[in-house]
Amino acid sequence: GSGLVFSTSSILNALTFGCPVDMGYVATEERLIRSAAISCRWDEGAAWKLEVRERGGHTRTVRVMMPFMQLYRAALAAREAGCHFMWLDTLSVPQPDTGDSQEVVALKNICIRRLIPTMTAVYASVQLVVVVETECGLGDTSNAYHRRTWTLQECILNKNTAFVGLDGHFRMLGDACSRQ
């Protein structure tokens, strides 16, 4: 599998009203083609915690590695593009937490090793990739972004790319044929 996708509406409700994000769905191809994948350079300095509902009424806490407003803007962009679901690595791929036992960390690491190779399929299948700018890496040289491993997935493999800047500006970069 390719992890989980989450309802765009549920993410917007969680960010607006402070409630947990509703439980995710298995990222089937049928769901991925109606999804936006959110991509950014992780920014430890902007990390914050988000609650996600799980089976049995339990919640888990995930660490979101981008500014709160950037995730909110990305969710708005996904909704505007008609994406019913969102795939976000910190929600969709289990991340080890400092409070996890060694056994849980080991299980999460196995999941990560299995899911990372499928990320190419995720990015190629989704309706939209929203590239979210973060403070991390802004001081790099102007062409450093294009040397990143994820650039292939963010801007080349996918059907459509949008960009959300730190200043709040949103730009649709278009499909693979229209962007350079």
Protein backbone atom coordinates (compact mmCIF):
# COMPACT_ATOMS: atom_id res chain seq x y z
CA GLY A 1 0.00 0.00 0.00
CA SER A 2 0.84 3.67 -0.10
CA GLY A 3 -0.11 4.65 3.41
CA LEU A 4 -3.25 6.61 4.15
CA VAL A 5 -5.16 9.51 2.65
CA PHE A 6 -7.27 11.88 4.71
CA SER A 7 -10.41 13.81 3.89
CA THR A 8 -9.58 17.35 2.80
CA SER A 9 -12.70 18.57 4.63
CA SER A 10 -11.62 16.81 7.82
CA ILE A 11 -8.16 18.42 7.68
CA LEU A 12 -9.71 21.86 7.13
CA ASN A 13 -12.13 21.30 10.04
CA ALA A 14 -9.28 20.20 12.31
CA LEU A 15 -7.20 23.26 11.42
CA THR A 16 -10.14 25.65 11.74
CA PHE A 17 -11.80 24.30 14.91
CA GLY A 18 -8.96 22.50 16.71
CA CYS A 19 -10.60 19.06 16.57
CA PRO A 20 -8.75 15.86 15.56
CA VAL A 21 -8.46 14.93 11.89
CA ASP A 22 -10.85 12.07 11.07
CA MET A 23 -9.41 8.60 10.62
CA GLY A 24 -7.61 8.08 7.31
CA TYR A 25 -8.43 5.72 4.46
CA VAL A 26 -6.15 3.23 2.73
CA ALA A 27 -4.55 5.06 -0.21
CA THR A 28 -6.05 2.99 -3.00
CA GLU A 29 -5.56 4.09 -6.60
CA GLU A 30 -9.24 5.10 -6.70
CA ARG A 31 -8.66 7.49 -3.78
CA LEU A 32 -5.24 8.71 -4.94
CA ILE A 33 -6.59 9.97 -8.27
CA ARG A 34 -8.91 12.24 -6.24
CA SER A 35 -6.12 13.35 -3.88
CA ALA A 36 -3.58 16.10 -3.46
CA ALA A 37 -0.12 15.12 -2.22
CA ILE A 38 1.42 17.80 -0.02
CA SER A 39 5.17 18.17 -0.41
CA CYS A 40 7.61 20.41 1.44
CA ARG A 41 11.07 20.57 2.91
CA TRP A 42 10.59 19.62 6.54
CA ASP A 43 11.11 22.55 8.86
CA GLU A 44 11.92 21.40 12.43
CA GLY A 45 11.64 24.98 13.68
CA ALA A 46 8.03 25.23 12.52
CA ALA A 47 6.93 21.76 13.73
CA TRP A 48 3.67 21.45 15.64
CA LYS A 49 1.40 18.63 16.81
CA LEU A 50 -1.88 17.51 15.27
CA GLU A 51 -4.31 14.92 16.63
CA VAL A 52 -5.62 12.20 14.31
CA ARG A 53 -8.53 9.88 15.17
CA GLU A 54 -7.95 6.15 14.96
CA ARG A 55 -10.10 3.07 15.37
CA GLY A 56 -11.87 2.61 18.67
CA GLY A 57 -12.07 6.35 19.33
CA HIS A 58 -8.36 6.62 20.14
CA THR A 59 -6.24 9.47 18.82
CA ARG A 60 -2.59 9.67 17.90
CA THR A 61 -0.43 12.75 17.80
CA VAL A 62 1.60 13.47 14.68
CA ARG A 63 4.31 16.05 14.20
CA VAL A 64 3.64 18.31 11.22
CA MET A 65 6.91 19.67 9.87
CA MET A 66 5.65 22.85 8.21
CA PRO A 67 4.04 26.03 9.50
CA PHE A 68 0.37 25.66 10.50
CA MET A 69 -0.75 28.32 8.01
CA GLN A 70 1.08 26.56 5.19
CA LEU A 71 -0.83 23.32 5.78
CA TYR A 72 -4.05 25.34 5.97
CA ARG A 73 -3.23 27.05 2.66
CA ALA A 74 -2.33 23.69 1.08
CA ALA A 75 -5.68 22.23 2.22
CA LEU A 76 -7.49 25.22 0.71
CA ALA A 77 -5.59 24.69 -2.55
CA ALA A 78 -6.54 21.00 -2.53
CA ARG A 79 -10.19 21.83 -1.93
CA GLU A 80 -10.13 24.49 -4.66
CA ALA A 81 -8.74 21.91 -7.10
CA GLY A 82 -11.55 19.49 -6.21
CA CYS A 83 -9.33 17.02 -4.35
CA HIS A 84 -11.45 15.00 -1.89
CA PHE A 85 -8.42 13.58 -0.11
CA MET A 86 -4.92 14.64 0.93
CA TRP A 87 -1.75 12.57 1.22
CA LEU A 88 0.73 14.13 3.63
CA ASP A 89 3.81 12.17 4.64
CA THR A 90 3.63 12.99 8.37
CA LEU A 91 0.01 11.78 8.48
CA SER A 92 0.16 9.06 5.84
CA VAL A 93 3.42 7.33 6.77
CA PRO A 94 3.87 6.26 10.42
CA GLN A 95 6.59 8.40 12.02
CA PRO A 96 8.55 7.18 15.07
CA ASP A 97 7.92 9.30 18.16
CA THR A 98 10.15 9.84 21.21
CA GLY A 99 7.46 8.22 23.41
CA ASP A 100 7.31 5.01 21.36
CA SER A 101 8.70 1.76 22.71
CA GLN A 102 11.60 0.17 20.84
CA GLU A 103 9.21 -2.43 19.43
CA VAL A 104 6.83 0.25 18.07
CA VAL A 105 9.75 2.23 16.59
CA ALA A 106 11.00 -0.94 14.88
CA LEU A 107 7.53 -1.62 13.42
CA LYS A 108 7.18 1.96 12.20
CA ASN A 109 10.63 1.80 10.59
CA ILE A 110 9.62 -1.37 8.75
CA CYS A 111 6.50 0.42 7.49
CA ILE A 112 8.60 3.40 6.36
CA ARG A 113 11.03 1.14 4.46
CA ARG A 114 8.07 -0.47 2.69
CA LEU A 115 6.27 2.81 1.93
CA ILE A 116 9.15 5.00 0.70
CA PRO A 117 9.49 3.09 -2.60
CA THR A 118 5.75 3.52 -3.22
CA MET A 119 5.96 7.31 -2.91
CA THR A 120 6.81 7.59 -6.61
CA ALA A 121 3.52 5.83 -7.39
CA VAL A 122 1.68 8.18 -5.00
CA TYR A 123 3.04 11.31 -6.67
CA ALA A 124 2.40 9.91 -10.16
CA SER A 125 -1.20 8.95 -9.30
CA VAL A 126 -2.54 11.97 -7.44
CA GLN A 127 -4.65 14.65 -9.08
CA LEU A 128 -2.42 17.43 -7.73
CA VAL A 129 0.88 17.91 -5.93
CA VAL A 130 0.95 21.01 -3.74
CA VAL A 131 4.53 22.12 -3.14
CA VAL A 132 4.61 24.11 0.10
CA GLU A 133 7.41 26.57 0.73
CA THR A 134 8.98 26.55 4.20
CA GLU A 135 11.77 28.59 5.79
CA CYS A 136 14.01 25.53 5.62
CA GLY A 137 16.46 25.92 2.78
CA LEU A 138 15.57 29.49 1.82
CA GLY A 139 19.21 30.49 2.23
CA ASP A 140 20.36 27.83 -0.24
CA THR A 141 21.59 28.82 -3.66
CA SER A 142 18.86 29.58 -6.18
CA ASN A 143 19.12 26.25 -7.97
CA ALA A 144 19.44 24.05 -4.84
CA TYR A 145 15.73 23.20 -4.96
CA HIS A 146 16.09 21.54 -8.35
CA ARG A 147 18.84 19.25 -7.05
CA ARG A 148 16.60 17.73 -4.37
CA THR A 149 15.54 14.11 -4.74
CA TRP A 150 11.85 14.97 -4.37
CA THR A 151 11.88 17.36 -7.35
CA LEU A 152 11.27 14.40 -9.66
CA GLN A 153 8.11 13.54 -7.75
CA GLU A 154 6.97 17.10 -7.10
CA CYS A 155 7.33 18.53 -10.56
CA ILE A 156 7.95 15.87 -13.18
CA LEU A 157 6.03 12.65 -12.49
CA ASN A 158 2.74 14.12 -11.38
CA LYS A 159 -0.28 15.33 -13.34
CA ASN A 160 -0.51 18.88 -11.94
CA THR A 161 1.60 20.99 -9.60
CA ALA A 162 0.62 23.96 -7.47
CA PHE A 163 2.91 26.11 -5.30
CA VAL A 164 2.03 27.75 -1.97
CA GLY A 165 4.55 30.43 -0.97
CA LEU A 166 5.34 31.57 2.54
CA ASP A 167 3.78 34.89 1.62
CA GLY A 168 0.46 33.11 1.05
CA HIS A 169 0.52 33.39 -2.71
CA PHE A 170 -0.83 30.38 -4.57
CA ARG A 171 0.26 29.54 -8.11
CA MET A 172 -0.95 26.70 -10.27
CA LEU A 173 2.14 25.60 -12.17
CA GLY A 174 0.15 23.36 -14.49
CA ASP A 175 0.68 19.91 -15.88
CA ALA A 176 3.93 18.20 -16.84
CA CYS A 177 3.83 19.57 -20.40
CA SER A 178 3.33 23.20 -19.36
CA ARG A 179 5.97 23.58 -16.66
CA GLN A 180 9.72 23.74 -16.92
